[in-house]
Amino acid sequence: MKAGFVSAVAVLSCAACSGSLFDSDVPVPSAYVIAAAPAGSVTGAPTTQVDVSIGRPDFAPGLDTERIAVLKGRQLDYYRGVRWGGRTVEVVQSMLVSSLNDQQLFRSVTAEQARVANDYMLDIEVRNFEADYLNGPIPEAHVMIIGRLIRVVDRKLVTTVSSNARVAAREERMAEVAAAFESAAQKVALDLAQQMAVAVAADQPTLRKARGESDQTSPE
């Protein structure tokens, strides 16, 4: 038996004598997640057979954290004893990828780090992702996202899309605040999906030209 393994067994044995390794007086923080927007929520938008990737978001200072941010005037704070299910950069990117993919406006939507060949990339900037107490004791979830749609083949900016949503919590309970965050984030995701669908469809002639492809039109 290796010495390192013997030492580990000894440590665990001593811990078992004095109590469980998982015993702690420190409360375990509650974790909250944000679900994707319902599939098929965007109607009337053009569909295009292209592949889109969603970049890892850049967050305003103080918001890239597992903690749930609170804004009171100009003071940034965090709720105690609660957190997101991951860092906000992961929570937001995952929500956007799933929400856009489920609308079936594009052939595929993936995260940038998946390294899948794609036609467009949406570079994400998150300006707001906090519970705002500006209007009184009941907070509003404030989500604002700006996206820069980039044509991958020539690295050119196609357009800038943005969306801003505020949703008031029904009461000052953490479950209600989390539900307000989810509603605001979904509104933003669907709005961005609509804008992107229109921009991507309009950009198809330019995309084919950038690739050196024919215009796929022929005289009669």
Protein backbone atom coordinates (compact mmCIF):
# COMPACT_ATOMS: atom_id res chain seq x y z
CA MET A 1 0.00 0.00 0.00
CA LYS A 2 1.35 3.40 -0.91
CA ALA A 3 2.32 5.75 1.91
CA GLY A 4 0.09 8.54 0.62
CA PHE A 5 -2.93 6.23 0.63
CA VAL A 6 -2.14 5.03 4.18
CA SER A 7 -1.96 8.62 5.37
CA ALA A 8 -5.28 9.43 3.74
CA VAL A 9 -6.93 6.41 5.40
CA ALA A 10 -5.53 7.46 8.76
CA VAL A 11 -6.88 10.98 8.42
CA LEU A 12 -10.31 9.71 7.42
CA SER A 13 -10.34 7.23 10.31
CA CYS A 14 -9.56 9.98 12.82
CA ALA A 15 -12.25 12.16 11.31
CA ALA A 16 -14.75 9.34 11.65
CA CYS A 17 -13.89 9.07 15.38
CA SER A 18 -14.63 12.72 16.04
CA GLY A 19 -17.59 13.17 13.70
CA SER A 20 -18.55 13.27 10.04
CA LEU A 21 -16.42 15.20 7.57
CA PHE A 22 -19.66 16.78 6.39
CA ASP A 23 -20.73 18.09 9.80
CA SER A 24 -20.58 21.86 9.94
CA ASP A 25 -22.19 24.72 11.80
CA VAL A 26 -21.97 26.87 8.66
CA PRO A 27 -25.33 26.90 6.83
CA VAL A 28 -25.23 25.55 3.29
CA PRO A 29 -26.27 28.34 0.90
CA SER A 30 -29.37 27.75 -1.19
CA ALA A 31 -28.60 27.61 -4.92
CA TYR A 32 -30.91 28.94 -7.63
CA VAL A 33 -30.97 28.26 -11.36
CA ILE A 34 -32.53 30.03 -14.34
CA ALA A 35 -34.47 27.90 -16.81
CA ALA A 36 -34.37 28.43 -20.56
CA ALA A 37 -37.22 30.31 -22.21
CA PRO A 38 -40.05 28.02 -23.38
CA ALA A 39 -39.50 26.47 -26.80
CA GLY A 40 -41.31 28.07 -29.70
CA SER A 41 -41.88 31.38 -27.93
CA VAL A 42 -40.57 33.43 -30.87
CA THR A 43 -43.08 33.45 -33.70
CA GLY A 44 -43.06 35.20 -37.05
CA ALA A 45 -39.27 35.46 -37.20
CA PRO A 46 -37.31 34.15 -40.22
CA THR A 47 -35.45 30.86 -39.88
CA THR A 48 -32.01 30.35 -41.42
CA GLN A 49 -29.92 27.21 -41.78
CA VAL A 50 -26.79 28.57 -40.13
CA ASP A 51 -24.80 27.68 -37.03
CA VAL A 52 -24.47 30.25 -34.25
CA SER A 53 -22.23 30.28 -31.20
CA ILE A 54 -22.73 32.27 -28.01
CA GLY A 55 -19.57 33.72 -26.49
CA ARG A 56 -18.71 33.68 -22.81
CA PRO A 57 -20.30 36.85 -21.47
CA ASP A 58 -18.37 39.82 -20.15
CA PHE A 59 -19.99 41.21 -16.99
CA ALA A 60 -20.04 44.64 -15.46
CA PRO A 61 -17.73 44.87 -12.41
CA GLY A 62 -19.03 43.02 -9.36
CA LEU A 63 -21.53 40.86 -11.25
CA ASP A 64 -19.29 37.96 -12.35
CA THR A 65 -19.77 35.85 -9.24
CA GLU A 66 -21.84 33.00 -7.84
CA ARG A 67 -23.44 35.47 -5.43
CA ILE A 68 -26.77 37.13 -6.24
CA ALA A 69 -26.16 40.84 -6.62
CA VAL A 70 -28.27 43.56 -5.01
CA LEU A 71 -28.24 47.23 -5.96
CA LYS A 72 -29.45 49.91 -3.53
CA GLY A 73 -28.86 53.27 -5.11
CA ARG A 74 -25.20 53.13 -6.14
CA GLN A 75 -24.28 50.54 -3.48
CA LEU A 76 -23.65 47.02 -4.77
CA ASP A 77 -24.21 44.24 -2.25
CA TYR A 78 -25.14 40.54 -2.28
CA TYR A 79 -27.87 38.44 -0.69
CA ARG A 80 -26.58 36.34 2.17
CA GLY A 81 -27.00 32.57 2.36
CA VAL A 82 -27.97 32.18 -1.30
CA ARG A 83 -26.13 31.86 -4.60
CA TRP A 84 -26.58 30.93 -8.22
CA GLY A 85 -25.96 27.34 -9.30
CA GLY A 86 -22.68 28.50 -10.88
CA ARG A 87 -20.89 31.69 -11.77
CA THR A 88 -23.14 34.17 -13.53
CA VAL A 89 -21.02 33.85 -16.68
CA GLU A 90 -22.02 30.17 -16.84
CA VAL A 91 -25.63 30.73 -15.79
CA VAL A 92 -26.27 33.40 -18.43
CA GLN A 93 -24.42 31.68 -21.27
CA SER A 94 -26.18 28.37 -20.63
CA MET A 95 -29.58 30.10 -20.49
CA LEU A 96 -28.94 31.95 -23.76
CA VAL A 97 -27.70 28.86 -25.60
CA SER A 98 -30.67 26.76 -24.52
CA SER A 99 -33.23 29.52 -25.08
CA LEU A 100 -32.02 30.36 -28.59
CA ASN A 101 -31.54 26.74 -29.58
CA ASP A 102 -35.07 25.83 -28.50
CA GLN A 103 -36.60 28.53 -30.73
CA GLN A 104 -35.33 26.61 -33.80
CA LEU A 105 -34.52 29.82 -35.68
CA PHE A 106 -31.07 28.51 -36.64
CA ARG A 107 -29.65 25.11 -37.53
CA SER A 108 -27.75 25.02 -34.24
CA VAL A 109 -26.81 27.21 -31.31
CA THR A 110 -23.79 26.22 -29.19
CA ALA A 111 -21.48 27.72 -26.60
CA GLU A 112 -18.32 29.28 -28.00
CA GLN A 113 -16.08 26.90 -26.04
CA ALA A 114 -17.70 23.89 -27.73
CA ARG A 115 -15.33 24.65 -30.67
CA VAL A 116 -17.98 23.76 -33.23
CA ALA A 117 -17.57 25.34 -36.67
CA ASN A 118 -20.12 28.12 -36.97
CA ASP A 119 -21.28 30.91 -39.26
CA TYR A 120 -21.93 33.59 -36.67
CA MET A 121 -20.84 34.35 -33.13
CA LEU A 122 -22.70 36.51 -30.65
CA ASP A 123 -20.27 38.38 -28.42
CA ILE A 124 -22.07 39.05 -25.13
CA GLU A 125 -21.82 41.94 -22.67
CA VAL A 126 -23.99 41.83 -19.54
CA ARG A 127 -24.57 45.36 -18.23
CA ASN A 128 -27.13 44.51 -15.55
CA PHE A 129 -27.89 41.33 -13.64
CA GLU A 130 -28.97 42.41 -10.19
CA ALA A 131 -31.93 42.87 -7.87
CA ASP A 132 -32.64 46.59 -7.82
CA TYR A 133 -34.32 48.24 -4.82
CA LEU A 134 -34.61 51.61 -6.57
CA ASN A 135 -38.42 51.74 -6.40
CA GLY A 136 -39.03 50.55 -2.85
CA PRO A 137 -38.80 47.54 -0.53
CA ILE A 138 -39.78 45.00 -3.20
CA PRO A 139 -36.90 44.49 -5.66
CA GLU A 140 -36.95 44.36 -9.43
CA ALA A 141 -34.75 41.90 -11.27
CA HIS A 142 -32.87 43.98 -13.82
CA VAL A 143 -31.24 42.21 -16.77
CA MET A 144 -29.61 44.04 -19.66
CA ILE A 145 -27.56 42.28 -22.34
CA ILE A 146 -25.81 43.70 -25.40
CA GLY A 147 -24.76 41.33 -28.17
CA ARG A 148 -22.45 41.94 -31.11
CA LEU A 149 -23.25 39.60 -33.98
CA ILE A 150 -20.05 38.70 -35.83
CA ARG A 151 -19.81 36.99 -39.22
CA VAL A 152 -17.10 34.40 -38.58
CA VAL A 153 -15.74 33.96 -42.12
CA ASP A 154 -14.43 37.54 -42.31
CA ARG A 155 -14.71 38.57 -38.63
CA LYS A 156 -16.98 41.50 -39.55
CA LEU A 157 -19.59 42.99 -37.26
CA VAL A 158 -23.04 42.38 -38.73
CA THR A 159 -25.09 44.27 -36.16
CA THR A 160 -25.44 45.05 -32.48
CA VAL A 161 -28.48 43.76 -30.63
CA SER A 162 -29.56 44.67 -27.13
CA SER A 163 -32.37 44.03 -24.72
CA ASN A 164 -33.31 45.34 -21.31
CA ALA A 165 -35.93 43.93 -18.93
CA ARG A 166 -37.12 44.70 -15.42
CA VAL A 167 -39.44 42.33 -13.60
CA ALA A 168 -40.67 43.05 -10.08
CA ALA A 169 -40.67 40.24 -7.54
CA ARG A 170 -44.11 39.51 -6.15
CA GLU A 171 -42.73 39.80 -2.63
CA GLU A 172 -39.39 40.05 -0.88
CA ARG A 173 -38.73 36.33 -0.63
CA MET A 174 -35.72 34.76 -2.30
CA ALA A 175 -37.80 32.30 -4.32
CA GLU A 176 -39.81 35.21 -5.73
CA VAL A 177 -36.67 37.24 -6.46
CA ALA A 178 -35.17 34.26 -8.32
CA ALA A 179 -38.41 33.86 -10.29
CA ALA A 180 -38.23 37.54 -11.27
CA PHE A 181 -34.64 37.05 -12.44
CA GLU A 182 -35.73 34.08 -14.55
CA SER A 183 -38.60 36.01 -16.12
CA ALA A 184 -36.40 39.01 -16.94
CA ALA A 185 -33.61 36.84 -18.36
CA GLN A 186 -36.04 34.90 -20.54
CA LYS A 187 -37.58 38.12 -21.89
CA VAL A 188 -34.13 39.35 -22.85
CA ALA A 189 -33.16 36.03 -24.46
CA LEU A 190 -36.30 35.93 -26.61
CA ASP A 191 -35.90 39.56 -27.66
CA LEU A 192 -32.29 38.91 -28.68
CA ALA A 193 -33.34 35.78 -30.58
CA GLN A 194 -35.90 37.79 -32.57
CA GLN A 195 -33.39 40.50 -33.44
CA MET A 196 -30.71 37.99 -34.38
CA ALA A 197 -33.07 36.00 -36.61
CA VAL A 198 -33.91 39.11 -38.64
CA ALA A 199 -30.26 40.21 -38.89
CA VAL A 200 -28.96 36.76 -39.88
CA ALA A 201 -31.61 36.29 -42.57
CA ALA A 202 -30.81 39.70 -44.06
CA ASP A 203 -27.07 38.94 -44.03
CA GLN A 204 -27.23 35.77 -46.13
CA PRO A 205 -26.24 37.40 -49.47
CA THR A 206 -23.23 39.01 -47.79
CA LEU A 207 -22.28 35.73 -46.12
CA ARG A 208 -22.31 33.89 -49.45
CA LYS A 209 -20.25 36.64 -51.07
CA ALA A 210 -17.71 36.56 -48.23
CA ARG A 211 -17.36 32.81 -48.78
CA GLY A 212 -16.95 33.24 -52.52
CA GLU A 213 -20.16 31.36 -53.20
CA SER A 214 -22.57 32.12 -56.01
CA ASP A 215 -25.69 34.12 -55.29
CA GLN A 216 -27.74 30.98 -56.00
CA THR A 217 -29.88 32.90 -58.44
CA SER A 218 -30.03 32.15 -62.12
CA PRO A 219 -31.66 34.00 -65.01
CA GLU A 220 -34.80 32.51 -66.48
